[in-house]
Amino acid sequence: QVQLVESGGGSVQAGGSLRLSCESSGATSSANCMGWFRQAPGKERERVAVVYTSWSGTYYVNYADSVKGRFTSSRDNAKTTVYLQMNSLNPEDTAIYYCAAASVVMRSDCTNADGDDWKYWGQGTQVTVSS
């Protein structure tokens, strides 16, 4: 089992920044694929970024086009916390943000992970961007 806890959400004005954290505990060594998702009211869940950690510890990130160049994901050295730095926020970024974890064999599996591949979810953190 892997437990995920997000934090760092809040309210900011357009153009501002926030940094979200996703702290993992439990069987974290098996969760080599992490995903950041968001869901706005009345909209479908959107994948924001997927983060793959290889067996050698190399960190790969793929971003959705909607956030590319504005959002950056990183992790701590202990590899238990993944961060999502969000810059140049705009009202369209308003949503509940979730992190999720999956266990995959290779990087492409992480990039293509969908639906039930994501075994573990955090509780979500609200991000509100005002104009």
Protein backbone atom coordinates (compact mmCIF):
# COMPACT_ATOMS: atom_id res chain seq x y z
CA GLN A 1 0.00 0.00 0.00
CA VAL A 2 1.08 3.53 -0.72
CA GLN A 3 -0.35 6.54 1.02
CA LEU A 4 -0.27 9.93 -0.67
CA VAL A 5 -0.90 13.29 0.91
CA GLU A 6 -1.03 16.51 -1.11
CA SER A 7 -0.48 19.94 0.30
CA GLY A 8 0.34 23.43 -0.85
CA GLY A 9 -2.88 24.47 -2.51
CA GLY A 10 -4.40 27.86 -1.95
CA SER A 11 -5.68 31.02 -3.59
CA VAL A 12 -3.54 33.27 -5.73
CA GLN A 13 -4.03 35.98 -8.28
CA ALA A 14 -3.37 35.43 -11.94
CA GLY A 15 0.33 35.42 -12.66
CA GLY A 16 1.15 34.07 -9.25
CA SER A 17 2.81 30.83 -8.20
CA LEU A 18 2.15 27.90 -5.93
CA ARG A 19 4.09 24.77 -5.11
CA LEU A 20 2.22 21.59 -4.43
CA SER A 21 3.71 18.68 -2.53
CA CYS A 22 2.81 15.03 -2.68
CA GLU A 23 4.27 13.09 0.20
CA SER A 24 4.25 9.34 -0.12
CA SER A 25 4.58 6.69 2.55
CA GLY A 26 4.26 2.95 2.76
CA ALA A 27 5.53 0.78 -0.07
CA THR A 28 6.98 3.75 -1.91
CA SER A 29 9.66 1.72 -3.69
CA SER A 30 6.95 0.12 -5.79
CA ALA A 31 5.46 3.45 -6.88
CA ASN A 32 7.92 4.36 -9.61
CA CYS A 33 5.34 6.30 -11.60
CA MET A 34 3.67 9.38 -10.15
CA GLY A 35 1.02 11.49 -11.75
CA TRP A 36 -0.34 14.95 -11.13
CA PHE A 37 -3.97 15.43 -12.10
CA ARG A 38 -6.52 18.16 -11.75
CA GLN A 39 -10.26 18.40 -11.98
CA ALA A 40 -12.22 21.60 -12.33
CA PRO A 41 -15.95 21.78 -11.56
CA GLY A 42 -17.96 20.36 -14.42
CA LYS A 43 -14.89 19.21 -16.29
CA GLU A 44 -13.19 15.90 -16.79
CA ARG A 45 -10.07 15.04 -14.90
CA GLU A 46 -6.97 16.22 -16.69
CA ARG A 47 -3.52 14.75 -16.37
CA VAL A 48 -1.04 17.53 -15.73
CA ALA A 49 2.24 15.66 -15.47
CA VAL A 50 3.60 12.16 -15.15
CA VAL A 51 6.83 11.46 -13.36
CA TYR A 52 8.83 8.30 -13.89
CA THR A 53 11.76 7.29 -11.74
CA SER A 54 13.98 4.69 -13.35
CA TRP A 55 15.74 1.91 -11.48
CA SER A 56 18.91 4.01 -11.56
CA GLY A 57 17.10 6.95 -10.03
CA THR A 58 16.82 9.07 -13.16
CA TYR A 59 13.78 11.30 -13.10
CA TYR A 60 11.65 11.81 -16.21
CA VAL A 61 8.69 14.14 -16.48
CA ASN A 62 6.08 14.60 -19.18
CA TYR A 63 3.82 17.62 -19.04
CA ALA A 64 0.44 18.32 -20.56
CA ASP A 65 0.54 20.96 -23.26
CA SER A 66 -1.68 23.18 -21.15
CA VAL A 67 1.00 23.54 -18.46
CA LYS A 68 4.21 23.04 -20.39
CA GLY A 69 6.65 25.84 -19.70
CA ARG A 70 4.76 26.95 -16.60
CA PHE A 71 4.73 23.89 -14.33
CA THR A 72 7.76 21.96 -13.18
CA SER A 73 7.89 18.75 -11.19
CA SER A 74 10.75 17.74 -8.93
CA ARG A 75 11.36 15.43 -6.00
CA ASP A 76 13.29 15.39 -2.78
CA ASN A 77 16.45 13.34 -2.40
CA ALA A 78 14.70 10.78 -0.26
CA LYS A 79 12.31 10.25 -3.18
CA THR A 80 9.31 10.33 -0.88
CA THR A 81 7.97 13.72 -1.89
CA VAL A 82 7.17 14.96 -5.36
CA TYR A 83 6.61 18.64 -5.98
CA LEU A 84 4.72 20.54 -8.61
CA GLN A 85 5.90 24.11 -9.00
CA MET A 86 3.22 26.11 -10.75
CA ASN A 87 4.13 29.49 -12.19
CA SER A 88 2.24 32.02 -14.29
CA LEU A 89 -1.03 30.68 -12.98
CA ASN A 90 -4.23 31.74 -14.70
CA PRO A 91 -7.91 31.25 -13.78
CA GLU A 92 -8.09 28.20 -16.06
CA ASP A 93 -5.72 26.44 -13.65
CA THR A 94 -8.35 26.55 -10.91
CA ALA A 95 -9.10 22.98 -9.90
CA ILE A 96 -8.58 20.34 -7.26
CA TYR A 97 -5.14 18.88 -7.80
CA TYR A 98 -4.42 15.26 -7.05
CA CYS A 99 -1.34 13.10 -7.09
CA ALA A 100 -1.50 9.44 -7.91
CA ALA A 101 0.91 6.53 -7.96
CA ALA A 102 1.36 3.50 -10.15
CA SER A 103 3.83 0.67 -10.47
CA VAL A 104 5.16 0.20 -13.97
CA VAL A 105 7.81 -1.78 -15.74
CA MET A 106 9.21 0.89 -18.01
CA ARG A 107 9.04 4.58 -18.73
CA SER A 108 6.57 4.24 -21.60
CA ASP A 109 4.17 2.41 -19.28
CA CYS A 110 4.22 5.44 -17.04
CA THR A 111 3.66 7.86 -19.88
CA ASN A 112 0.71 5.78 -21.07
CA ALA A 113 -0.72 4.96 -17.65
CA ASP A 114 -4.44 5.46 -17.52
CA GLY A 115 -7.53 4.54 -15.52
CA ASP A 116 -6.97 1.61 -13.23
CA ASP A 117 -3.21 1.82 -13.68
CA TRP A 118 -3.28 4.53 -11.04
CA LYS A 119 -3.65 2.45 -7.91
CA TYR A 120 -3.21 5.07 -5.25
CA TRP A 121 -4.59 8.57 -4.94
CA GLY A 122 -4.19 11.45 -2.57
CA GLN A 123 -7.08 13.40 -1.14
CA GLY A 124 -6.54 16.42 -3.36
CA THR A 125 -5.71 20.06 -2.70
CA GLN A 126 -7.66 23.04 -3.99
CA VAL A 127 -5.99 25.61 -6.20
CA THR A 128 -7.93 28.78 -6.94
CA VAL A 129 -6.62 31.45 -9.29
CA SER A 130 -8.45 34.75 -9.47
CA SER A 131 -8.24 37.23 -12.31
